[in-house]
Amino acid sequence: MSFFKNIFCLSLLVLSFYTPGNVVHAAVFLCRPWVNLGDGGDQFARASFTSKIENGTISFFGEQRPVAIATTIATHPIYDIFLAATGEVVVAAPVDDQKIKINIYFPNKNYTFFLKTFCNRT
């Protein structure tokens, strides 16, 4: 009997790692200006902007935006990964209940930087 109890507890433990915990769903965020890490990317680091996550897509609104829209390709309990049609990879990770961190990587371009920002839920 304890064998089945151990198997049941182990399966609950394994399943808890695959269920979304604090992932970001359906929200509008006010974001700080982009910070570029590396050389380049200064054209994006000018003004605050808004971001919207809804129905598996992330959208950016503002004057200087590196990506307009990206679609979810993977979800993990601690972050969501989005892919833009132009090849940029966007990672959104919750910091707490009201704040997220967004990174944008450019694997398709010969850039030596990536962008990051922090956004607060509106």
PDB file of N, CA and C in Angstrom:
ATOM      1  N   MET A   1       0.816  -1.194   0.000  1.00  0.00           N
ATOM      2  CA  MET A   1       0.000   0.000   0.000  1.00  0.00           C
ATOM      3  C   MET A   1       0.862   1.260   0.000  1.00  0.00           C
ATOM      4  N   SER A   2       1.976   1.236   0.721  1.00  0.00           N
ATOM      5  CA  SER A   2       2.838   2.423   0.763  1.00  0.00           C
ATOM      6  C   SER A   2       3.497   2.666  -0.598  1.00  0.00           C
ATOM      7  N   PHE A   3       3.683   1.618  -1.404  1.00  0.00           N
ATOM      8  CA  PHE A   3       4.239   1.786  -2.731  1.00  0.00           C
ATOM      9  C   PHE A   3       3.325   2.679  -3.580  1.00  0.00           C
ATOM     10  N   PHE A   4       2.012   2.402  -3.555  1.00  0.00           N
ATOM     11  CA  PHE A   4       1.065   3.207  -4.320  1.00  0.00           C
ATOM     12  C   PHE A   4       0.979   4.634  -3.776  1.00  0.00           C
ATOM     13  N   LYS A   5       1.082   4.756  -2.474  1.00  0.00           N
ATOM     14  CA  LYS A   5       1.069   6.087  -1.859  1.00  0.00           C
ATOM     15  C   LYS A   5       2.293   6.883  -2.302  1.00  0.00           C
ATOM     16  N   ASN A   6       3.453   6.252  -2.358  1.00  0.00           N
ATOM     17  CA  ASN A   6       4.674   6.915  -2.808  1.00  0.00           C
ATOM     18  C   ASN A   6       4.596   7.294  -4.286  1.00  0.00           C
ATOM     19  N   ILE A   7       4.061   6.405  -5.109  1.00  0.00           N
ATOM     20  CA  ILE A   7       3.900   6.698  -6.530  1.00  0.00           C
ATOM     21  C   ILE A   7       2.938   7.870  -6.717  1.00  0.00           C
ATOM     22  N   PHE A   8       1.843   7.878  -5.964  1.00  0.00           N
ATOM     23  CA  PHE A   8       0.882   8.965  -6.068  1.00  0.00           C
ATOM     24  C   PHE A   8       1.521  10.301  -5.665  1.00  0.00           C
ATOM     25  N   CYS A   9       2.254  10.322  -4.572  1.00  0.00           N
ATOM     26  CA  CYS A   9       2.932  11.550  -4.119  1.00  0.00           C
ATOM     27  C   CYS A   9       3.978  12.006  -5.135  1.00  0.00           C
ATOM     28  N   LEU A  10       4.705  11.073  -5.705  1.00  0.00           N
ATOM     29  CA  LEU A  10       5.709  11.411  -6.709  1.00  0.00           C
ATOM     30  C   LEU A  10       5.056  11.991  -7.960  1.00  0.00           C
ATOM     31  N   SER A  11       3.944  11.401  -8.383  1.00  0.00           N
ATOM     32  CA  SER A  11       3.260  11.927  -9.566  1.00  0.00           C
ATOM     33  C   SER A  11       2.692  13.321  -9.303  1.00  0.00           C
ATOM     34  N   LEU A  12       2.186  13.584  -8.113  1.00  0.00           N
ATOM     35  CA  LEU A  12       1.722  14.938  -7.770  1.00  0.00           C
ATOM     36  C   LEU A  12       2.871  15.936  -7.786  1.00  0.00           C
ATOM     37  N   LEU A  13       4.003  15.522  -7.287  1.00  0.00           N
ATOM     38  CA  LEU A  13       5.174  16.393  -7.275  1.00  0.00           C
ATOM     39  C   LEU A  13       5.623  16.710  -8.700  1.00  0.00           C
ATOM     40  N   VAL A  14       5.672  15.716  -9.561  1.00  0.00           N
ATOM     41  CA  VAL A  14       6.079  15.928 -10.954  1.00  0.00           C
ATOM     42  C   VAL A  14       5.076  16.807 -11.680  1.00  0.00           C
ATOM     43  N   LEU A  15       3.791  16.574 -11.494  1.00  0.00           N
ATOM     44  CA  LEU A  15       2.766  17.386 -12.151  1.00  0.00           C
ATOM     45  C   LEU A  15       2.785  18.836 -11.676  1.00  0.00           C
ATOM     46  N   SER A  16       3.177  19.072 -10.442  1.00  0.00           N
ATOM     47  CA  SER A  16       3.215  20.446  -9.939  1.00  0.00           C
ATOM     48  C   SER A  16       4.252  21.283 -10.667  1.00  0.00           C
ATOM     49  N   PHE A  17       5.281  20.664 -11.218  1.00  0.00           N
ATOM     50  CA  PHE A  17       6.287  21.400 -11.977  1.00  0.00           C
ATOM     51  C   PHE A  17       5.798  21.769 -13.375  1.00  0.00           C
ATOM     52  N   TYR A  18       4.785  21.089 -13.878  1.00  0.00           N
ATOM     53  CA  TYR A  18       4.307  21.334 -15.230  1.00  0.00           C
ATOM     54  C   TYR A  18       3.021  22.148 -15.291  1.00  0.00           C
ATOM     55  N   THR A  19       2.470  22.515 -14.150  1.00  0.00           N
ATOM     56  CA  THR A  19       1.275  23.362 -14.160  1.00  0.00           C
ATOM     57  C   THR A  19       1.690  24.812 -14.020  1.00  0.00           C
ATOM     58  N   PRO A  20       1.057  25.702 -14.772  1.00  0.00           N
ATOM     59  CA  PRO A  20       1.432  27.104 -14.683  1.00  0.00           C
ATOM     60  C   PRO A  20       1.143  27.666 -13.306  1.00  0.00           C
ATOM     61  N   GLY A  21       2.105  28.337 -12.751  1.00  0.00           N
ATOM     62  CA  GLY A  21       1.958  28.925 -11.438  1.00  0.00           C
ATOM     63  C   GLY A  21       1.662  30.400 -11.528  1.00  0.00           C
ATOM     64  N   ASN A  22       2.671  31.182 -11.811  1.00  0.00           N
ATOM     65  CA  ASN A  22       2.536  32.631 -11.792  1.00  0.00           C
ATOM     66  C   ASN A  22       2.814  33.214 -13.173  1.00  0.00           C
ATOM     67  N   VAL A  23       2.423  32.476 -14.209  1.00  0.00           N
ATOM     68  CA  VAL A  23       2.662  32.964 -15.562  1.00  0.00           C
ATOM     69  C   VAL A  23       1.728  34.143 -15.831  1.00  0.00           C
ATOM     70  N   VAL A  24       2.053  34.908 -16.829  1.00  0.00           N
ATOM     71  CA  VAL A  24       1.320  36.125 -17.119  1.00  0.00           C
ATOM     72  C   VAL A  24       0.233  35.829 -18.140  1.00  0.00           C
ATOM     73  N   HIS A  25      -1.009  36.171 -17.813  1.00  0.00           N
ATOM     74  CA  HIS A  25      -2.126  35.945 -18.725  1.00  0.00           C
ATOM     75  C   HIS A  25      -2.983  37.201 -18.797  1.00  0.00           C
ATOM     76  N   ALA A  26      -3.374  37.605 -19.983  1.00  0.00           N
ATOM     77  CA  ALA A  26      -4.362  38.650 -20.246  1.00  0.00           C
ATOM     78  C   ALA A  26      -4.217  39.864 -19.351  1.00  0.00           C
ATOM     79  N   ALA A  27      -3.253  40.692 -19.654  1.00  0.00           N
ATOM     80  CA  ALA A  27      -3.043  41.908 -18.877  1.00  0.00           C
ATOM     81  C   ALA A  27      -2.423  42.989 -19.753  1.00  0.00           C
ATOM     82  N   VAL A  28      -2.616  44.230 -19.331  1.00  0.00           N
ATOM     83  CA  VAL A  28      -1.990  45.387 -19.973  1.00  0.00           C
ATOM     84  C   VAL A  28      -0.964  45.939 -18.991  1.00  0.00           C
ATOM     85  N   PHE A  29       0.224  46.251 -19.514  1.00  0.00           N
ATOM     86  CA  PHE A  29       1.320  46.702 -18.673  1.00  0.00           C
ATOM     87  C   PHE A  29       1.862  48.040 -19.155  1.00  0.00           C
ATOM     88  N   LEU A  30       2.275  48.870 -18.211  1.00  0.00           N
ATOM     89  CA  LEU A  30       3.010  50.085 -18.509  1.00  0.00           C
ATOM     90  C   LEU A  30       4.479  49.772 -18.275  1.00  0.00           C
ATOM     91  N   CYS A  31       5.304  49.957 -19.311  1.00  0.00           N
ATOM     92  CA  CYS A  31       6.695  49.513 -19.266  1.00  0.00           C
ATOM     93  C   CYS A  31       7.661  50.689 -19.228  1.00  0.00           C
ATOM     94  N   ARG A  32       8.772  50.481 -18.569  1.00  0.00           N
ATOM     95  CA  ARG A  32       9.858  51.455 -18.563  1.00  0.00           C
ATOM     96  C   ARG A  32      10.551  51.434 -19.922  1.00  0.00           C
ATOM     97  N   PRO A  33      11.349  52.458 -20.232  1.00  0.00           N
ATOM     98  CA  PRO A  33      12.101  52.420 -21.498  1.00  0.00           C
ATOM     99  C   PRO A  33      13.011  51.187 -21.560  1.00  0.00           C
ATOM    100  N   TRP A  34      13.277  50.739 -22.777  1.00  0.00           N
ATOM    101  CA  TRP A  34      14.150  49.579 -22.978  1.00  0.00           C
ATOM    102  C   TRP A  34      15.549  49.885 -22.484  1.00  0.00           C
ATOM    103  N   VAL A  35      16.186  48.900 -21.886  1.00  0.00           N
ATOM    104  CA  VAL A  35      17.596  48.975 -21.506  1.00  0.00           C
ATOM    105  C   VAL A  35      18.321  47.977 -22.396  1.00  0.00           C
ATOM    106  N   ASN A  36      19.366  48.438 -23.088  1.00  0.00           N
ATOM    107  CA  ASN A  36      20.101  47.519 -23.952  1.00  0.00           C
ATOM    108  C   ASN A  36      21.313  46.976 -23.212  1.00  0.00           C
ATOM    109  N   LEU A  37      21.492  45.701 -23.304  1.00  0.00           N
ATOM    110  CA  LEU A  37      22.633  45.031 -22.692  1.00  0.00           C
ATOM    111  C   LEU A  37      23.544  44.565 -23.808  1.00  0.00           C
ATOM    112  N   GLY A  38      24.670  45.207 -23.939  1.00  0.00           N
ATOM    113  CA  GLY A  38      25.601  44.932 -25.024  1.00  0.00           C
ATOM    114  C   GLY A  38      25.847  46.197 -25.813  1.00  0.00           C
ATOM    115  N   ASP A  39      26.376  46.057 -27.009  1.00  0.00           N
ATOM    116  CA  ASP A  39      26.679  47.202 -27.866  1.00  0.00           C
ATOM    117  C   ASP A  39      25.572  47.414 -28.886  1.00  0.00           C
ATOM    118  N   GLY A  40      25.010  48.614 -28.930  1.00  0.00           N
ATOM    119  CA  GLY A  40      23.938  48.937 -29.867  1.00  0.00           C
ATOM    120  C   GLY A  40      22.596  48.983 -29.180  1.00  0.00           C
ATOM    121  N   GLY A  41      21.562  49.136 -29.971  1.00  0.00           N
ATOM    122  CA  GLY A  41      20.209  49.129 -29.436  1.00  0.00           C
ATOM    123  C   GLY A  41      19.748  50.441 -28.846  1.00  0.00           C
ATOM    124  N   ASP A  42      20.524  51.515 -29.021  1.00  0.00           N
ATOM    125  CA  ASP A  42      20.159  52.794 -28.440  1.00  0.00           C
ATOM    126  C   ASP A  42      18.884  53.382 -29.043  1.00  0.00           C
ATOM    127  N   GLN A  43      18.521  52.960 -30.249  1.00  0.00           N
ATOM    128  CA  GLN A  43      17.338  53.513 -30.899  1.00  0.00           C
ATOM    129  C   GLN A  43      16.049  53.106 -30.186  1.00  0.00           C
ATOM    130  N   PHE A  44      16.088  52.095 -29.327  1.00  0.00           N
ATOM    131  CA  PHE A  44      14.891  51.633 -28.636  1.00  0.00           C
ATOM    132  C   PHE A  44      14.768  52.197 -27.227  1.00  0.00           C
ATOM    133  N   ALA A  45      15.834  52.724 -26.659  1.00  0.00           N
ATOM    134  CA  ALA A  45      15.859  53.130 -25.251  1.00  0.00           C
ATOM    135  C   ALA A  45      15.508  54.607 -25.087  1.00  0.00           C
ATOM    136  N   ARG A  46      14.269  54.973 -25.419  1.00  0.00           N
ATOM    137  CA  ARG A  46      13.919  56.394 -25.368  1.00  0.00           C
ATOM    138  C   ARG A  46      12.730  56.709 -24.484  1.00  0.00           C
ATOM    139  N   ALA A  47      11.645  55.995 -24.605  1.00  0.00           N
ATOM    140  CA  ALA A  47      10.422  56.383 -23.903  1.00  0.00           C
ATOM    141  C   ALA A  47       9.701  55.168 -23.341  1.00  0.00           C
ATOM    142  N   SER A  48       8.843  55.432 -22.376  1.00  0.00           N
ATOM    143  CA  SER A  48       7.996  54.382 -21.830  1.00  0.00           C
ATOM    144  C   SER A  48       6.994  53.941 -22.890  1.00  0.00           C
ATOM    145  N   PHE A  49       6.431  52.766 -22.721  1.00  0.00           N
ATOM    146  CA  PHE A  49       5.481  52.234 -23.692  1.00  0.00           C
ATOM    147  C   PHE A  49       4.539  51.285 -22.974  1.00  0.00           C
ATOM    148  N   THR A  50       3.542  50.803 -23.668  1.00  0.00           N
ATOM    149  CA  THR A  50       2.631  49.819 -23.087  1.00  0.00           C
ATOM    150  C   THR A  50       2.794  48.482 -23.799  1.00  0.00           C
ATOM    151  N   SER A  51       2.471  47.449 -23.062  1.00  0.00           N
ATOM    152  CA  SER A  51       2.551  46.085 -23.565  1.00  0.00           C
ATOM    153  C   SER A  51       1.265  45.373 -23.173  1.00  0.00           C
ATOM    154  N   LYS A  52       0.808  44.480 -24.026  1.00  0.00           N
ATOM    155  CA  LYS A  52      -0.429  43.758 -23.758  1.00  0.00           C
ATOM    156  C   LYS A  52      -0.213  42.281 -24.025  1.00  0.00           C
ATOM    157  N   ILE A  53      -0.565  41.459 -23.061  1.00  0.00           N
ATOM    158  CA  ILE A  53      -0.499  40.003 -23.223  1.00  0.00           C
ATOM    159  C   ILE A  53      -1.927  39.490 -23.186  1.00  0.00           C
ATOM    160  N   GLU A  54      -2.337  38.844 -24.292  1.00  0.00           N
ATOM    161  CA  GLU A  54      -3.705  38.357 -24.383  1.00  0.00           C
ATOM    162  C   GLU A  54      -3.791  37.267 -25.439  1.00  0.00           C
ATOM    163  N   ASN A  55      -4.492  36.190 -25.111  1.00  0.00           N
ATOM    164  CA  ASN A  55      -4.750  35.088 -26.051  1.00  0.00           C
ATOM    165  C   ASN A  55      -3.471  34.535 -26.680  1.00  0.00           C
ATOM    166  N   GLY A  56      -2.421  34.384 -25.900  1.00  0.00           N
ATOM    167  CA  GLY A  56      -1.196  33.780 -26.407  1.00  0.00           C
ATOM    168  C   GLY A  56      -0.328  34.690 -27.244  1.00  0.00           C
ATOM    169  N   THR A  57      -0.599  35.998 -27.238  1.00  0.00           N
ATOM    170  CA  THR A  57       0.250  36.934 -27.974  1.00  0.00           C
ATOM    171  C   THR A  57       0.672  38.073 -27.055  1.00  0.00           C
ATOM    172  N   ILE A  58       1.805  38.650 -27.363  1.00  0.00           N
ATOM    173  CA  ILE A  58       2.276  39.842 -26.676  1.00  0.00           C
ATOM    174  C   ILE A  58       2.422  40.936 -27.721  1.00  0.00           C
ATOM    175  N   SER A  59       1.883  42.109 -27.402  1.00  0.00           N
ATOM    176  CA  SER A  59       1.921  43.249 -28.319  1.00  0.00           C
ATOM    177  C   SER A  59       2.596  44.418 -27.627  1.00  0.00           C
ATOM    178  N   PHE A  60       3.310  45.214 -28.412  1.00  0.00           N
ATOM    179  CA  PHE A  60       3.976  46.400 -27.890  1.00  0.00           C
ATOM    180  C   PHE A  60       3.419  47.622 -28.606  1.00  0.00           C
ATOM    181  N   PHE A  61       3.138  48.681 -27.836  1.00  0.00           N
ATOM    182  CA  PHE A  61       2.591  49.917 -28.385  1.00  0.00           C
ATOM    183  C   PHE A  61       3.494  51.072 -27.980  1.00  0.00           C
ATOM    184  N   GLY A  62       3.894  51.877 -28.913  1.00  0.00           N
ATOM    185  CA  GLY A  62       4.768  53.009 -28.657  1.00  0.00           C
ATOM    186  C   GLY A  62       5.511  53.388 -29.925  1.00  0.00           C
ATOM    187  N   GLU A  63       6.321  54.426 -29.831  1.00  0.00           N
ATOM    188  CA  GLU A  63       7.042  54.912 -31.016  1.00  0.00           C
ATOM    189  C   GLU A  63       8.171  53.985 -31.437  1.00  0.00           C
ATOM    190  N   GLN A  64       9.120  53.744 -30.547  1.00  0.00           N
ATOM    191  CA  GLN A  64      10.251  52.867 -30.869  1.00  0.00           C
ATOM    192  C   GLN A  64       9.980  51.488 -30.277  1.00  0.00           C
ATOM    193  N   ARG A  65       9.607  50.566 -31.135  1.00  0.00           N
ATOM    194  CA  ARG A  65       9.358  49.205 -30.655  1.00  0.00           C
ATOM    195  C   ARG A  65      10.138  48.228 -31.518  1.00  0.00           C
ATOM    196  N   PRO A  66      10.911  47.367 -30.895  1.00  0.00           N
ATOM    197  CA  PRO A  66      11.692  46.396 -31.655  1.00  0.00           C
ATOM    198  C   PRO A  66      10.832  45.296 -32.269  1.00  0.00           C
ATOM    199  N   VAL A  67       9.676  45.024 -31.659  1.00  0.00           N
ATOM    200  CA  VAL A  67       8.762  43.985 -32.118  1.00  0.00           C
ATOM    201  C   VAL A  67       7.345  44.525 -31.968  1.00  0.00           C
ATOM    202  N   ALA A  68       6.495  44.311 -32.928  1.00  0.00           N
ATOM    203  CA  ALA A  68       5.105  44.759 -32.803  1.00  0.00           C
ATOM    204  C   ALA A  68       4.259  43.712 -32.090  1.00  0.00           C
ATOM    205  N   ILE A  69       4.392  42.455 -32.503  1.00  0.00           N
ATOM    206  CA  ILE A  69       3.580  41.379 -31.938  1.00  0.00           C
ATOM    207  C   ILE A  69       4.362  40.067 -32.016  1.00  0.00           C
ATOM    208  N   ALA A  70       4.158  39.220 -31.021  1.00  0.00           N
ATOM    209  CA  ALA A  70       4.801  37.900 -31.000  1.00  0.00           C
ATOM    210  C   ALA A  70       3.815  36.886 -30.429  1.00  0.00           C
ATOM    211  N   THR A  71       3.963  35.636 -30.830  1.00  0.00           N
ATOM    212  CA  THR A  71       3.056  34.560 -30.444  1.00  0.00           C
ATOM    213  C   THR A  71       3.759  33.580 -29.517  1.00  0.00           C
ATOM    214  N   THR A  72       3.012  33.029 -28.583  1.00  0.00           N
ATOM    215  CA  THR A  72       3.570  32.068 -27.622  1.00  0.00           C
ATOM    216  C   THR A  72       4.050  30.813 -28.329  1.00  0.00           C
ATOM    217  N   ILE A  73       5.285  30.404 -27.995  1.00  0.00           N
ATOM    218  CA  ILE A  73       5.783  29.128 -28.508  1.00  0.00           C
ATOM    219  C   ILE A  73       6.045  28.148 -27.374  1.00  0.00           C
ATOM    220  N   ALA A  74       6.196  28.659 -26.133  1.00  0.00           N
ATOM    221  CA  ALA A  74       6.417  27.780 -24.987  1.00  0.00           C
ATOM    222  C   ALA A  74       5.988  28.483 -23.707  1.00  0.00           C
ATOM    223  N   THR A  75       5.440  27.703 -22.796  1.00  0.00           N
ATOM    224  CA  THR A  75       5.052  28.217 -21.489  1.00  0.00           C
ATOM    225  C   THR A  75       5.712  27.358 -20.424  1.00  0.00           C
ATOM    226  N   HIS A  76       6.249  28.016 -19.443  1.00  0.00           N
ATOM    227  CA  HIS A  76       6.920  27.376 -18.330  1.00  0.00           C
ATOM    228  C   HIS A  76       6.372  28.015 -17.062  1.00  0.00           C
ATOM    229  N   PRO A  77       6.421  27.356 -15.927  1.00  0.00           N
ATOM    230  CA  PRO A  77       5.889  27.978 -14.706  1.00  0.00           C
ATOM    231  C   PRO A  77       6.529  29.312 -14.336  1.00  0.00           C
ATOM    232  N   ILE A  78       7.749  29.579 -14.790  1.00  0.00           N
ATOM    233  CA  ILE A  78       8.378  30.843 -14.399  1.00  0.00           C
ATOM    234  C   ILE A  78       8.597  31.816 -15.551  1.00  0.00           C
ATOM    235  N   TYR A  79       8.223  31.461 -16.779  1.00  0.00           N
ATOM    236  CA  TYR A  79       8.318  32.404 -17.898  1.00  0.00           C
ATOM    237  C   TYR A  79       7.518  31.890 -19.087  1.00  0.00           C
ATOM    238  N   ASP A  80       7.205  32.822 -19.985  1.00  0.00           N
ATOM    239  CA  ASP A  80       6.576  32.501 -21.270  1.00  0.00           C
ATOM    240  C   ASP A  80       7.539  32.927 -22.366  1.00  0.00           C
ATOM    241  N   ILE A  81       7.626  32.134 -23.431  1.00  0.00           N
ATOM    242  CA  ILE A  81       8.490  32.454 -24.568  1.00  0.00           C
ATOM    243  C   ILE A  81       7.611  32.718 -25.777  1.00  0.00           C
ATOM    244  N   PHE A  82       7.858  33.850 -26.431  1.00  0.00           N
ATOM    245  CA  PHE A  82       7.102  34.265 -27.614  1.00  0.00           C
ATOM    246  C   PHE A  82       8.069  34.378 -28.786  1.00  0.00           C
ATOM    247  N   LEU A  83       7.557  34.185 -29.999  1.00  0.00           N
ATOM    248  CA  LEU A  83       8.354  34.325 -31.211  1.00  0.00           C
ATOM    249  C   LEU A  83       7.646  35.280 -32.161  1.00  0.00           C
ATOM    250  N   ALA A  84       8.373  36.307 -32.618  1.00  0.00           N
ATOM    251  CA  ALA A  84       7.821  37.261 -33.584  1.00  0.00           C
ATOM    252  C   ALA A  84       7.967  36.698 -34.993  1.00  0.00           C
ATOM    253  N   ALA A  85       7.168  37.210 -35.904  1.00  0.00           N
ATOM    254  CA  ALA A  85       7.223  36.753 -37.295  1.00  0.00           C
ATOM    255  C   ALA A  85       8.561  37.078 -37.938  1.00  0.00           C
ATOM    256  N   THR A  86       9.252  38.109 -37.435  1.00  0.00           N
ATOM    257  CA  THR A  86      10.547  38.503 -37.987  1.00  0.00           C
ATOM    258  C   THR A  86      11.713  37.782 -37.308  1.00  0.00           C
ATOM    259  N   GLY A  87      11.434  36.863 -36.381  1.00  0.00           N
ATOM    260  CA  GLY A  87      12.466  36.023 -35.797  1.00  0.00           C
ATOM    261  C   GLY A  87      12.963  36.406 -34.417  1.00  0.00           C
ATOM    262  N   GLU A  88      12.484  37.493 -33.843  1.00  0.00           N
ATOM    263  CA  GLU A  88      12.911  37.881 -32.497  1.00  0.00           C
ATOM    264  C   GLU A  88      12.254  36.981 -31.457  1.00  0.00           C
ATOM    265  N   VAL A  89      12.975  36.711 -30.383  1.00  0.00           N
ATOM    266  CA  VAL A  89      12.473  35.893 -29.287  1.00  0.00           C
ATOM    267  C   VAL A  89      12.195  36.812 -28.103  1.00  0.00           C
ATOM    268  N   VAL A  90      10.971  36.742 -27.584  1.00  0.00           N
ATOM    269  CA  VAL A  90      10.550  37.565 -26.451  1.00  0.00           C
ATOM    270  C   VAL A  90      10.287  36.641 -25.271  1.00  0.00           C
ATOM    271  N   VAL A  91      10.869  36.969 -24.117  1.00  0.00           N
ATOM    272  CA  VAL A  91      10.672  36.186 -22.900  1.00  0.00           C
ATOM    273  C   VAL A  91      10.032  37.092 -21.857  1.00  0.00           C
ATOM    274  N   ALA A  92       8.879  36.687 -21.330  1.00  0.00           N
ATOM    275  CA  ALA A  92       8.184  37.439 -20.281  1.00  0.00           C
ATOM    276  C   ALA A  92       8.149  36.590 -19.027  1.00  0.00           C
ATOM    277  N   ALA A  93       8.661  37.160 -17.929  1.00  0.00           N
ATOM    278  CA  ALA A  93       8.714  36.437 -16.665  1.00  0.00           C
ATOM    279  C   ALA A  93       8.130  37.300 -15.557  1.00  0.00           C
ATOM    280  N   PRO A  94       7.220  36.754 -14.763  1.00  0.00           N
ATOM    281  CA  PRO A  94       6.668  37.540 -13.667  1.00  0.00           C
ATOM    282  C   PRO A  94       7.702  37.756 -12.562  1.00  0.00           C
ATOM    283  N   VAL A  95       7.757  38.983 -12.047  1.00  0.00           N
ATOM    284  CA  VAL A  95       8.622  39.303 -10.909  1.00  0.00           C
ATOM    285  C   VAL A  95       7.812  39.166  -9.628  1.00  0.00           C
ATOM    286  N   ASP A  96       6.593  39.691  -9.640  1.00  0.00           N
ATOM    287  CA  ASP A  96       5.622  39.507  -8.563  1.00  0.00           C
ATOM    288  C   ASP A  96       4.230  39.597  -9.180  1.00  0.00           C
ATOM    289  N   ASP A  97       3.201  39.788  -8.364  1.00  0.00           N
ATOM    290  CA  ASP A  97       1.832  39.793  -8.892  1.00  0.00           C
ATOM    291  C   ASP A  97       1.539  40.967  -9.817  1.00  0.00           C
ATOM    292  N   GLN A  98       2.267  42.060  -9.672  1.00  0.00           N
ATOM    293  CA  GLN A  98       1.978  43.266 -10.448  1.00  0.00           C
ATOM    294  C   GLN A  98       3.075  43.659 -11.430  1.00  0.00           C
ATOM    295  N   LYS A  99       4.163  42.917 -11.489  1.00  0.00           N
ATOM    296  CA  LYS A  99       5.323  43.333 -12.276  1.00  0.00           C
ATOM    297  C   LYS A  99       5.888  42.162 -13.082  1.00  0.00           C
ATOM    298  N   ILE A 100       6.293  42.452 -14.345  1.00  0.00           N
ATOM    299  CA  ILE A 100       6.949  41.437 -15.166  1.00  0.00           C
ATOM    300  C   ILE A 100       8.252  42.002 -15.734  1.00  0.00           C
ATOM    301  N   LYS A 101       9.121  41.084 -16.126  1.00  0.00           N
ATOM    302  CA  LYS A 101      10.366  41.440 -16.808  1.00  0.00           C
ATOM    303  C   LYS A 101      10.269  40.886 -18.225  1.00  0.00           C
ATOM    304  N   ILE A 102      10.614  41.724 -19.213  1.00  0.00           N
ATOM    305  CA  ILE A 102      10.570  41.299 -20.609  1.00  0.00           C
ATOM    306  C   ILE A 102      11.964  41.432 -21.216  1.00  0.00           C
ATOM    307  N   ASN A 103      12.440  40.374 -21.840  1.00  0.00           N
ATOM    308  CA  ASN A 103      13.700  40.387 -22.587  1.00  0.00           C
ATOM    309  C   ASN A 103      13.386  40.106 -24.057  1.00  0.00           C
ATOM    310  N   ILE A 104      14.119  40.785 -24.938  1.00  0.00           N
ATOM    311  CA  ILE A 104      13.999  40.507 -26.375  1.00  0.00           C
ATOM    312  C   ILE A 104      15.380  40.165 -26.911  1.00  0.00           C
ATOM    313  N   TYR A 105      15.468  39.011 -27.572  1.00  0.00           N
ATOM    314  CA  TYR A 105      16.719  38.536 -28.170  1.00  0.00           C
ATOM    315  C   TYR A 105      16.581  38.566 -29.683  1.00  0.00           C
ATOM    316  N   PHE A 106      17.685  38.775 -30.370  1.00  0.00           N
ATOM    317  CA  PHE A 106      17.694  38.906 -31.826  1.00  0.00           C
ATOM    318  C   PHE A 106      18.601  37.832 -32.451  1.00  0.00           C
ATOM    319  N   PRO A 107      18.198  36.567 -32.428  1.00  0.00           N
ATOM    320  CA  PRO A 107      19.063  35.516 -32.986  1.00  0.00           C
ATOM    321  C   PRO A 107      19.171  35.575 -34.501  1.00  0.00           C
ATOM    322  N   ASN A 108      18.238  36.239 -35.162  1.00  0.00           N
ATOM    323  CA  ASN A 108      18.214  36.294 -36.622  1.00  0.00           C
ATOM    324  C   ASN A 108      19.001  37.464 -37.195  1.00  0.00           C
ATOM    325  N   LYS A 109      19.499  38.347 -36.324  1.00  0.00           N
ATOM    326  CA  LYS A 109      20.238  39.514 -36.795  1.00  0.00           C
ATOM    327  C   LYS A 109      21.628  39.518 -36.181  1.00  0.00           C
ATOM    328  N   ASN A 110      22.521  40.227 -36.792  1.00  0.00           N
ATOM    329  CA  ASN A 110      23.898  40.270 -36.315  1.00  0.00           C
ATOM    330  C   ASN A 110      24.046  41.368 -35.259  1.00  0.00           C
ATOM    331  N   TYR A 111      23.250  41.281 -34.189  1.00  0.00           N
ATOM    332  CA  TYR A 111      23.309  42.247 -33.106  1.00  0.00           C
ATOM    333  C   TYR A 111      24.156  41.677 -31.978  1.00  0.00           C
ATOM    334  N   THR A 112      24.813  42.578 -31.246  1.00  0.00           N
ATOM    335  CA  THR A 112      25.600  42.147 -30.089  1.00  0.00           C
ATOM    336  C   THR A 112      24.944  42.641 -28.807  1.00  0.00           C
ATOM    337  N   PHE A 113      23.620  42.727 -28.795  1.00  0.00           N
ATOM    338  CA  PHE A 113      22.902  43.182 -27.617  1.00  0.00           C
ATOM    339  C   PHE A 113      21.551  42.487 -27.540  1.00  0.00           C
ATOM    340  N   PHE A 114      20.941  42.584 -26.369  1.00  0.00           N
ATOM    341  CA  PHE A 114      19.537  42.241 -26.230  1.00  0.00           C
ATOM    342  C   PHE A 114      18.898  43.309 -25.361  1.00  0.00           C
ATOM    343  N   LEU A 115      17.589  43.398 -25.407  1.00  0.00           N
ATOM    344  CA  LEU A 115      16.860  44.438 -24.694  1.00  0.00           C
ATOM    345  C   LEU A 115      16.118  43.858 -23.510  1.00  0.00           C
ATOM    346  N   LYS A 116      15.986  44.652 -22.452  1.00  0.00           N
ATOM    347  CA  LYS A 116      15.174  44.221 -21.311  1.00  0.00           C
ATOM    348  C   LYS A 116      14.417  45.416 -20.759  1.00  0.00           C
ATOM    349  N   THR A 117      13.320  45.130 -20.097  1.00  0.00           N
ATOM    350  CA  THR A 117      12.527  46.158 -19.444  1.00  0.00           C
ATOM    351  C   THR A 117      11.715  45.527 -18.327  1.00  0.00           C
ATOM    352  N   PHE A 118      11.208  46.364 -17.450  1.00  0.00           N
ATOM    353  CA  PHE A 118      10.287  45.943 -16.414  1.00  0.00           C
ATOM    354  C   PHE A 118       8.971  46.660 -16.625  1.00  0.00           C
ATOM    355  N   CYS A 119       7.874  45.958 -16.426  1.00  0.00           N
ATOM    356  CA  CYS A 119       6.543  46.505 -16.679  1.00  0.00           C
ATOM    357  C   CYS A 119       5.656  46.273 -15.472  1.00  0.00           C
ATOM    358  N   ASN A 120       4.797  47.250 -15.193  1.00  0.00           N
ATOM    359  CA  ASN A 120       3.823  47.162 -14.109  1.00  0.00           C
ATOM    360  C   ASN A 120       2.432  47.010 -14.684  1.00  0.00           C
ATOM    361  N   ARG A 121       1.645  46.165 -14.056  1.00  0.00           N
ATOM    362  CA  ARG A 121       0.267  45.926 -14.491  1.00  0.00           C
ATOM    363  C   ARG A 121      -0.556  47.203 -14.290  1.00  0.00           C
ATOM    364  N   THR A 122      -1.388  47.530 -15.277  1.00  0.00           N
ATOM    365  CA  THR A 122      -2.208  48.739 -15.142  1.00  0.00           C
ATOM    366  C   THR A 122      -3.605  48.389 -14.662  1.00  0.00           C
TER     367      THR A 122
END
